[in-house]
Amino acid sequence: MISLLIIISFLLHFIAFFAIYMLFQQLQNVKKQDMDEIIKLFDTYLQEVKAENNRLQRVLRDNEKTNENSNMGQARTEADTMEEPEIFPIPEDAGDTVEASLESRVLQLHNQGVPVGEIARKLNCGKTEAEIIIKLHEKMQ
């Protein structure tokens, strides 16, 4: 009786391993097909880009030829081709302003000995936020 169960177990194991192997082979085939499709897609895209590039080069060459033909009789000086840059005046009341970050203001007040609650009130921020900034600065030092 036990030998029959062992034989059945071996057969089931063999069937399971065979099924796993077949699924693995199917998965490999699907991956290969996907890769082939991607390669074909990239090849098609590359061919389209090359064709567009060639068309653009032909258009540019044609434009150069027409420009050369139209400019043959005209002599242009360097001063004629230069454009003057547009200059914008700077307003006299314009000034740079620099604002200190919240972190630097909290640390400055803390170094002056101001309590955390007072710092939070003066800077309009949370007390916990001020405490975290102070603790992080102390940990970094």
Protein backbone atom coordinates (compact mmCIF):
# COMPACT_ATOMS: atom_id res chain seq x y z
CA MET A 1 0.00 0.00 0.00
CA ILE A 2 2.80 2.40 0.90
CA SER A 3 4.65 1.60 -2.31
CA LEU A 4 1.54 2.49 -4.32
CA LEU A 5 1.32 5.88 -2.55
CA ILE A 6 5.02 6.51 -3.20
CA ILE A 7 4.59 5.70 -6.89
CA ILE A 8 1.57 8.03 -7.12
CA SER A 9 3.56 10.74 -5.33
CA PHE A 10 6.46 10.36 -7.78
CA LEU A 11 4.06 10.53 -10.72
CA LEU A 12 2.40 13.68 -9.33
CA HIS A 13 5.80 15.26 -8.71
CA PHE A 14 6.91 14.38 -12.22
CA ILE A 15 3.71 15.84 -13.70
CA ALA A 16 4.08 19.01 -11.58
CA PHE A 17 7.73 19.48 -12.62
CA PHE A 18 6.81 18.88 -16.27
CA ALA A 19 3.98 21.44 -16.06
CA ILE A 20 6.31 23.98 -14.42
CA TYR A 21 8.90 23.37 -17.15
CA MET A 22 6.31 23.82 -19.91
CA LEU A 23 5.05 27.08 -18.32
CA PHE A 24 8.64 28.30 -18.06
CA GLN A 25 9.19 27.55 -21.76
CA GLN A 26 5.99 29.40 -22.69
CA LEU A 27 7.08 32.38 -20.62
CA GLN A 28 10.46 32.44 -22.36
CA ASN A 29 8.74 32.33 -25.77
CA VAL A 30 6.45 35.20 -24.82
CA LYS A 31 9.42 37.26 -23.64
CA LYS A 32 11.27 36.53 -26.88
CA GLN A 33 8.23 37.53 -28.95
CA ASP A 34 7.85 40.74 -26.96
CA MET A 35 11.52 41.52 -27.46
CA ASP A 36 11.24 40.85 -31.20
CA GLU A 37 8.21 43.17 -31.41
CA ILE A 38 10.10 45.90 -29.54
CA ILE A 39 13.09 45.53 -31.84
CA LYS A 40 10.83 45.75 -34.91
CA LEU A 41 9.12 48.80 -33.47
CA PHE A 42 12.46 50.53 -32.83
CA ASP A 43 13.67 49.63 -36.32
CA THR A 44 10.53 51.14 -37.82
CA TYR A 45 10.92 54.25 -35.69
CA LEU A 46 14.58 54.55 -36.65
CA GLN A 47 13.73 54.28 -40.35
CA GLU A 48 11.10 57.00 -39.98
CA VAL A 49 13.59 59.27 -38.22
CA LYS A 50 16.18 58.68 -40.93
CA ALA A 51 13.65 59.46 -43.65
CA GLU A 52 12.60 62.65 -41.87
CA ASN A 53 16.25 63.64 -41.41
CA ASN A 54 16.98 63.11 -45.11
CA ARG A 55 13.90 65.16 -46.06
CA LEU A 56 15.01 67.97 -43.74
CA GLN A 57 18.52 67.94 -45.22
CA ARG A 58 17.08 68.22 -48.74
CA VAL A 59 14.87 71.14 -47.70
CA LEU A 60 17.81 72.92 -46.06
CA ARG A 61 20.00 72.40 -49.13
CA ASP A 62 17.24 73.75 -51.38
CA ASN A 63 16.85 76.80 -49.11
CA GLU A 64 20.60 77.43 -49.17
CA LYS A 65 20.64 77.28 -52.95
CA THR A 66 17.75 79.70 -53.27
CA ASN A 67 19.35 82.07 -50.74
CA GLU A 68 22.67 81.95 -52.59
CA ASN A 69 20.94 82.68 -55.90
CA SER A 70 19.00 85.62 -54.50
CA ASN A 71 22.04 87.08 -52.71
CA MET A 72 24.45 86.71 -55.65
CA GLY A 73 24.06 90.28 -56.85
CA GLN A 74 23.84 91.86 -53.41
CA ALA A 75 26.95 92.65 -51.41
CA ARG A 76 26.17 92.80 -47.72
CA THR A 77 28.49 94.32 -45.21
CA GLU A 78 28.99 93.04 -41.72
CA ALA A 79 27.37 96.13 -40.25
CA ASP A 80 24.19 95.45 -42.23
CA THR A 81 23.83 91.95 -40.83
CA MET A 82 24.48 92.81 -37.18
CA GLU A 83 21.48 93.58 -35.06
CA GLU A 84 21.77 95.84 -32.08
CA PRO A 85 20.69 94.20 -28.86
CA GLU A 86 17.74 95.78 -27.14
CA ILE A 87 18.80 97.50 -23.92
CA PHE A 88 16.36 97.86 -21.08
CA PRO A 89 17.03 100.59 -18.51
CA ILE A 90 17.26 99.53 -14.87
CA PRO A 91 14.87 101.44 -12.64
CA GLU A 92 16.60 103.50 -9.96
CA ASP A 93 14.35 102.25 -7.17
CA ALA A 94 15.12 98.61 -7.99
CA GLY A 95 17.03 96.96 -5.22
CA ASP A 96 17.86 93.49 -4.11
CA THR A 97 16.28 92.23 -0.95
CA VAL A 98 17.56 89.32 1.06
CA GLU A 99 15.42 87.47 3.55
CA ALA A 100 16.77 85.02 6.06
CA SER A 101 15.18 81.60 6.14
CA LEU A 102 12.94 80.53 8.98
CA GLU A 103 15.64 78.15 10.16
CA SER A 104 18.27 80.87 10.38
CA ARG A 105 15.92 83.27 12.16
CA VAL A 106 14.95 80.59 14.70
CA LEU A 107 18.59 79.75 15.36
CA GLN A 108 19.54 83.42 15.66
CA LEU A 109 16.84 84.07 18.25
CA HIS A 110 17.75 80.84 20.08
CA ASN A 111 21.40 81.95 20.25
CA GLN A 112 20.23 85.26 21.74
CA GLY A 113 18.58 83.27 24.55
CA VAL A 114 14.96 83.80 23.53
CA PRO A 115 12.67 80.99 24.79
CA VAL A 116 11.09 78.64 22.21
CA GLY A 117 7.55 79.89 22.82
CA GLU A 118 8.64 83.49 22.25
CA ILE A 119 10.51 82.47 19.05
CA ALA A 120 7.39 80.75 17.71
CA ARG A 121 5.24 83.80 18.50
CA LYS A 122 7.68 86.29 16.93
CA LEU A 123 8.19 84.27 13.74
CA ASN A 124 4.56 83.17 13.45
CA CYS A 125 5.44 79.49 13.34
CA GLY A 126 4.61 76.50 15.51
CA LYS A 127 6.38 75.90 18.79
CA THR A 128 7.09 72.30 17.77
CA GLU A 129 8.54 73.47 14.47
CA ALA A 130 10.93 75.82 16.27
CA GLU A 131 11.92 73.06 18.70
CA ILE A 132 12.61 70.64 15.85
CA ILE A 133 14.80 73.18 14.05
CA ILE A 134 16.79 73.81 17.22
CA LYS A 135 17.18 70.10 18.02
CA LEU A 136 18.26 69.25 14.46
CA HIS A 137 20.84 72.03 14.54
CA GLU A 138 22.18 70.82 17.88
CA LYS A 139 22.43 67.23 16.57
CA MET A 140 24.38 68.37 13.52
CA GLN A 141 26.97 70.10 15.67
